[in-house]
Protein backbone atom coordinates (compact mmCIF):
# COMPACT_ATOMS: atom_id res chain seq x y z
CA MET A 1 32.28 -31.24 83.77
CA ALA A 2 33.71 -27.77 83.19
CA GLY A 3 37.34 -27.64 82.55
CA ILE A 4 40.08 -25.34 83.90
CA GLU A 5 40.80 -22.32 81.75
CA PHE A 6 44.50 -21.85 80.58
CA LEU A 7 46.48 -19.87 78.03
CA LYS A 8 49.90 -20.49 76.65
CA GLY A 9 52.24 -17.75 76.01
CA HIS A 10 55.94 -16.86 75.68
CA GLY A 11 58.36 -13.97 76.05
CA THR A 12 61.40 -14.47 73.68
CA GLN A 13 60.58 -18.19 73.72
CA ASN A 14 60.57 -18.41 77.49
CA ASP A 15 57.18 -20.15 77.70
CA PHE A 16 54.51 -20.23 80.34
CA VAL A 17 51.12 -21.62 81.00
CA LEU A 18 48.77 -18.85 82.39
CA LEU A 19 46.02 -19.91 84.72
CA PRO A 20 43.32 -17.26 85.28
CA ASP A 21 42.18 -17.80 88.87
CA ALA A 22 41.00 -14.48 90.15
CA ASP A 23 39.92 -15.63 93.60
CA GLY A 24 42.78 -18.03 94.23
CA ALA A 25 40.54 -21.12 94.18
CA LEU A 26 42.92 -23.56 92.44
CA ASP A 27 44.92 -25.82 94.56
CA LEU A 28 48.27 -25.33 92.70
CA THR A 29 50.35 -28.07 94.08
CA GLU A 30 53.94 -28.81 93.13
CA ALA A 31 52.85 -32.04 91.51
CA ARG A 32 50.22 -30.25 89.28
CA VAL A 33 52.66 -27.46 88.17
CA ALA A 34 55.29 -29.99 87.36
CA ALA A 35 52.87 -32.07 85.29
CA LEU A 36 51.47 -29.12 83.52
CA CYS A 37 54.99 -27.88 82.53
CA ASP A 38 56.09 -31.42 81.41
CA ARG A 39 56.46 -31.41 77.63
CA ARG A 40 55.31 -35.04 77.30
CA ARG A 41 52.52 -35.48 79.94
CA GLY A 42 51.37 -31.87 80.22
CA LEU A 43 51.12 -28.77 78.08
CA GLY A 44 54.84 -28.13 78.39
CA ALA A 45 56.35 -24.76 79.78
CA ASP A 46 59.15 -23.29 81.57
CA GLY A 47 56.74 -22.14 84.24
CA VAL A 48 53.21 -21.40 85.46
CA LEU A 49 51.71 -17.87 85.83
CA ARG A 50 48.71 -17.86 88.04
CA VAL A 51 46.62 -14.69 87.45
CA VAL A 52 45.13 -13.88 90.94
CA ARG A 53 43.84 -10.88 92.64
CA THR A 54 46.37 -9.50 95.14
CA ALA A 55 43.57 -9.58 97.82
CA ALA A 56 43.30 -13.33 97.38
CA ILE A 57 46.99 -14.02 97.59
CA GLY A 58 47.49 -12.25 100.93
CA LEU A 59 50.72 -10.50 100.09
CA PRO A 60 51.21 -6.72 99.96
CA SER A 61 50.99 -5.01 96.74
CA GLU A 62 49.48 -1.67 95.28
CA GLY A 63 48.45 -3.70 92.22
CA GLU A 64 45.09 -5.21 91.83
CA TRP A 65 46.60 -8.27 90.11
CA PHE A 66 49.36 -10.59 91.45
CA MET A 67 51.75 -12.81 89.33
CA ASP A 68 51.95 -16.01 91.25
CA TYR A 69 54.92 -17.60 89.49
CA ARG A 70 55.98 -21.24 89.78
CA ASN A 71 59.06 -22.81 88.08
CA ALA A 72 58.69 -25.90 86.00
CA ASP A 73 59.50 -28.21 88.91
CA GLY A 74 56.65 -26.79 90.89
CA SER A 75 58.80 -24.61 93.17
CA ILE A 76 57.79 -20.96 93.93
CA ALA A 77 59.92 -18.20 92.50
CA GLU A 78 60.19 -14.55 93.27
CA MET A 79 60.22 -13.09 89.79
CA CYS A 80 60.30 -13.74 85.99
CA GLY A 81 60.94 -10.82 83.69
CA ASN A 82 59.65 -12.56 80.63
CA GLY A 83 56.69 -13.90 82.64
CA VAL A 84 55.70 -10.30 83.63
CA ARG A 85 55.57 -9.22 79.96
CA VAL A 86 53.24 -12.13 79.02
CA PHE A 87 51.15 -11.49 82.24
CA ALA A 88 50.76 -7.78 81.44
CA ARG A 89 49.82 -8.50 77.88
CA TYR A 90 47.03 -10.89 79.15
CA LEU A 91 45.78 -8.36 81.63
CA VAL A 92 45.29 -5.76 78.88
CA GLU A 93 43.77 -8.05 76.36
CA ALA A 94 41.36 -9.51 78.94
CA GLY A 95 40.20 -6.11 79.90
CA LEU A 96 41.29 -6.65 83.46
CA VAL A 97 43.18 -3.35 83.81
CA ALA A 98 42.30 0.21 82.76
CA GLY A 99 44.82 1.52 80.28
CA ARG A 100 48.34 0.28 79.33
CA GLU A 101 50.26 1.41 82.37
CA PHE A 102 49.73 -0.18 85.67
CA VAL A 103 51.28 -1.95 88.56
CA MET A 104 51.53 -5.62 89.07
CA GLY A 105 52.37 -7.48 92.28
CA SER A 106 55.01 -10.19 92.56
CA ARG A 107 57.03 -11.86 95.32
CA ALA A 108 59.90 -9.64 94.38
CA GLY A 109 57.75 -6.64 94.94
CA ASP A 110 55.49 -4.35 92.78
CA ARG A 111 56.47 -4.19 89.04
CA PRO A 112 55.18 -1.12 87.11
CA VAL A 113 54.63 -2.04 83.43
CA ARG A 114 53.69 -0.50 80.20
CA VAL A 115 52.17 -2.37 77.22
CA HIS A 116 53.01 -0.62 74.01
CA ASP A 117 51.00 -0.44 70.83
CA ASP A 118 52.90 -3.26 69.28
CA LEU A 119 52.13 -5.38 72.39
CA SER A 120 55.82 -5.41 73.49
CA VAL A 121 56.11 -4.55 77.12
CA THR A 122 58.40 -2.47 79.36
CA VAL A 123 58.86 -3.66 82.84
CA HIS A 124 60.27 -1.58 85.62
CA MET A 125 62.39 -4.25 87.31
CA GLY A 126 63.52 -2.42 90.39
CA PRO A 127 67.25 -2.47 91.43
CA ALA A 128 69.83 -4.85 90.11
CA THR A 129 72.29 -5.14 92.99
CA VAL A 130 75.72 -6.63 92.80
CA THR A 131 76.12 -8.77 95.85
CA GLY A 132 79.56 -10.22 95.45
CA SER A 133 81.38 -12.92 93.31
CA SER A 134 81.45 -16.65 93.08
CA VAL A 135 82.26 -19.53 90.77
CA THR A 136 80.22 -21.89 88.70
CA THR A 137 81.43 -25.12 87.03
CA VAL A 138 80.44 -26.36 83.59
CA ALA A 139 81.61 -29.86 82.56
CA GLY A 140 84.28 -29.71 85.17
CA ARG A 141 85.47 -26.24 84.22
CA PRO A 142 85.33 -23.32 86.55
CA PHE A 143 84.07 -19.90 85.60
CA SER A 144 84.15 -16.92 87.82
CA GLY A 145 80.97 -14.79 88.02
CA VAL A 146 79.38 -11.69 89.41
CA ALA A 147 76.48 -12.26 91.79
CA VAL A 148 73.57 -9.95 91.17
CA ASP A 149 70.12 -9.79 92.91
CA VAL A 150 67.23 -8.75 90.61
CA GLY A 151 64.59 -9.90 93.25
CA ASN A 152 65.94 -13.37 92.56
CA PRO A 153 69.58 -14.61 92.63
CA HIS A 154 71.84 -14.73 89.63
CA LEU A 155 75.55 -15.41 88.95
CA VAL A 156 76.78 -13.89 85.67
CA SER A 157 79.93 -15.26 84.00
CA ALA A 158 81.53 -13.22 81.21
CA VAL A 159 83.36 -15.64 79.00
CA ASP A 160 85.69 -15.24 75.95
CA GLU A 161 84.54 -18.34 74.12
CA ASP A 162 81.40 -18.36 72.13
CA VAL A 163 78.47 -19.10 74.74
CA SER A 164 76.92 -21.41 72.17
CA SER A 165 79.79 -23.81 72.69
CA LEU A 166 78.96 -24.50 76.37
CA ASP A 167 77.31 -27.73 77.31
CA LEU A 168 74.45 -26.63 79.68
CA ARG A 169 72.46 -29.91 79.51
CA ASP A 170 73.36 -30.75 82.99
CA GLN A 171 73.01 -28.52 86.15
CA PRO A 172 76.23 -26.47 86.35
CA GLY A 173 77.87 -26.55 89.81
CA PHE A 174 77.70 -23.56 92.22
CA ASP A 175 78.48 -22.58 95.75
CA ARG A 176 75.44 -23.70 97.67
CA ASP A 177 76.61 -21.82 100.78
CA PHE A 178 76.59 -18.59 98.74
CA PHE A 179 73.31 -19.49 97.11
CA PRO A 180 71.41 -21.59 99.65
CA HIS A 181 68.18 -21.30 97.65
CA GLY A 182 69.68 -22.02 94.26
CA VAL A 183 70.70 -19.54 91.54
CA ASN A 184 70.10 -18.64 87.86
CA LEU A 185 73.27 -19.03 85.91
CA GLU A 186 74.02 -16.69 82.96
CA PHE A 187 76.93 -16.94 80.50
CA VAL A 188 77.66 -13.88 78.55
CA ASN A 189 79.68 -12.66 75.54
CA MET A 190 80.28 -8.99 75.45
CA LEU A 191 80.00 -8.09 71.70
CA GLY A 192 80.86 -4.41 71.83
CA ASP A 193 79.29 -1.26 73.28
CA GLY A 194 75.68 -1.86 74.14
CA ALA A 195 75.43 -5.45 72.91
CA LEU A 196 75.60 -8.72 74.75
CA ARG A 197 74.83 -12.41 73.78
CA MET A 198 73.74 -14.67 76.66
CA ARG A 199 72.69 -18.31 77.51
CA VAL A 200 71.00 -19.27 80.84
CA HIS A 201 70.48 -22.19 83.09
CA GLU A 202 67.51 -21.31 85.30
CA ARG A 203 66.99 -22.52 88.78
CA GLY A 204 64.32 -25.10 88.99
CA VAL A 205 63.99 -25.29 85.21
CA GLY A 206 67.35 -26.03 83.36
CA GLU A 207 68.56 -24.23 80.24
CA THR A 208 65.82 -21.90 78.86
CA ARG A 209 65.53 -19.90 75.61
CA ALA A 210 65.53 -16.77 77.56
CA CYS A 211 65.42 -15.34 81.09
CA GLY A 212 64.22 -11.67 81.61
CA THR A 213 65.70 -11.15 85.06
CA GLY A 214 68.89 -12.91 83.73
CA THR A 215 69.19 -10.30 81.04
CA VAL A 216 68.97 -7.50 83.56
CA ALA A 217 71.55 -9.26 85.81
CA ALA A 218 73.91 -9.66 82.72
CA VAL A 219 73.75 -5.97 81.99
CA ALA A 220 74.26 -5.05 85.54
CA ALA A 221 77.27 -7.47 85.91
CA THR A 222 79.02 -6.39 82.75
CA LEU A 223 78.66 -2.80 83.68
CA HIS A 224 80.17 -3.57 87.09
CA LEU A 225 83.05 -5.28 85.37
CA ALA A 226 83.66 -2.13 83.32
CA GLY A 227 83.58 0.02 86.42
CA ALA A 228 80.25 1.49 85.82
CA ASP A 229 76.79 1.33 87.48
CA SER A 230 74.49 2.67 84.74
CA GLY A 231 74.02 1.98 81.07
CA SER A 232 72.00 0.32 78.36
CA SER A 233 72.34 -2.84 76.22
CA THR A 234 70.52 -5.11 73.86
CA VAL A 235 70.76 -8.79 74.86
CA ASP A 236 70.59 -11.56 72.30
CA ILE A 237 69.35 -14.91 73.79
CA PRO A 238 68.42 -17.90 71.84
CA GLY A 239 64.79 -16.92 71.84
CA GLY A 240 65.35 -13.33 70.58
CA ARG A 241 66.42 -9.96 71.74
CA VAL A 242 65.45 -7.59 74.59
CA SER A 243 66.62 -4.12 75.65
CA VAL A 244 67.79 -3.48 79.08
CA THR A 245 68.66 -0.15 80.99
CA VAL A 246 70.33 -0.22 84.40
CA GLU A 247 70.61 2.79 86.66
CA ARG A 248 71.39 3.29 90.30
CA GLY A 249 68.61 1.67 92.10
CA ALA A 250 66.45 0.96 89.04
CA SER A 251 66.29 -1.12 85.81
CA THR A 252 63.92 -1.68 82.83
CA LEU A 253 63.47 -4.56 80.51
CA THR A 254 61.63 -4.16 77.23
CA GLY A 255 60.86 -7.03 74.93
CA PRO A 256 58.04 -9.00 73.16
CA ALA A 257 55.15 -10.94 74.71
CA GLU A 258 53.05 -13.42 72.79
CA ILE A 259 49.89 -15.31 73.53
CA VAL A 260 49.74 -18.43 71.38
CA ALA A 261 46.85 -20.65 72.60
CA ARG A 262 43.77 -20.78 74.83
CA GLY A 263 41.79 -23.73 76.06
CA GLU A 264 40.70 -25.84 79.02
CA LEU A 265 42.50 -28.40 81.13
CA ASP A 266 40.58 -31.61 81.66
CA GLU A 267 39.32 -31.57 85.27
CA HIS A 268 39.60 -35.32 85.71
CA TRP A 269 43.38 -35.14 84.76
CA TRP A 270 43.84 -32.15 87.09
CA ALA A 271 42.12 -33.95 89.96
CA GLY A 272 44.11 -37.05 89.52
CA LEU A 273 47.39 -35.25 89.96
CA GLY A 274 46.49 -34.36 93.61
């Protein structure tokens, strides 16, 4: 019996399983996604990227290909900045797009991308919009934060202590009235002009080595705290470094994208998950 094709990739160690499914034939249930992302009973990943034609997904986009992104718990998410880069590299290497600059569809809207010669990727992430302020709680301690929408919700807390000292093993608390659909939580050290260090607890996943939309939110939030609405910064996360530029109504994210494995899922295993 033929297996189900997959690839494994990561962007600054935020890792994903890619499922090429041009016609949208796979029944991608929450149970299957959660099992696939489980690091003991599946392949292990922070999320799943289904590679599907826009026409098959039934959502509006100018791009031929749509990034159908699922969190590790199986829930559907609007956007993943690291996932976009891995997705874009795959499209280029698989010969599914003409050239290295193209538009991809996502639930957060279309994302123009450019795959560079070194296979790093620049993504036009759209606006990073400050939507207010709120508070998160880590191990019983409150941290104020700036709420930022990057197509998905974020709360960015700039802290004085080294972010590496925070215990993010458990879900930090947040205002569920302010964020009824959950929120990605970023904790940031400002290292000087044009440099940040960040850790992130992602909605539906837990702490991850990186979060692309989170780095954009972090730059937008720290600019806001400084009384500015445009600027550029590097962002160091546990998985590496990316570069972010935020302007009025626009932002870009540039960073690496790696494909590390290819193979087939056992169809009996897949079918048994239901």
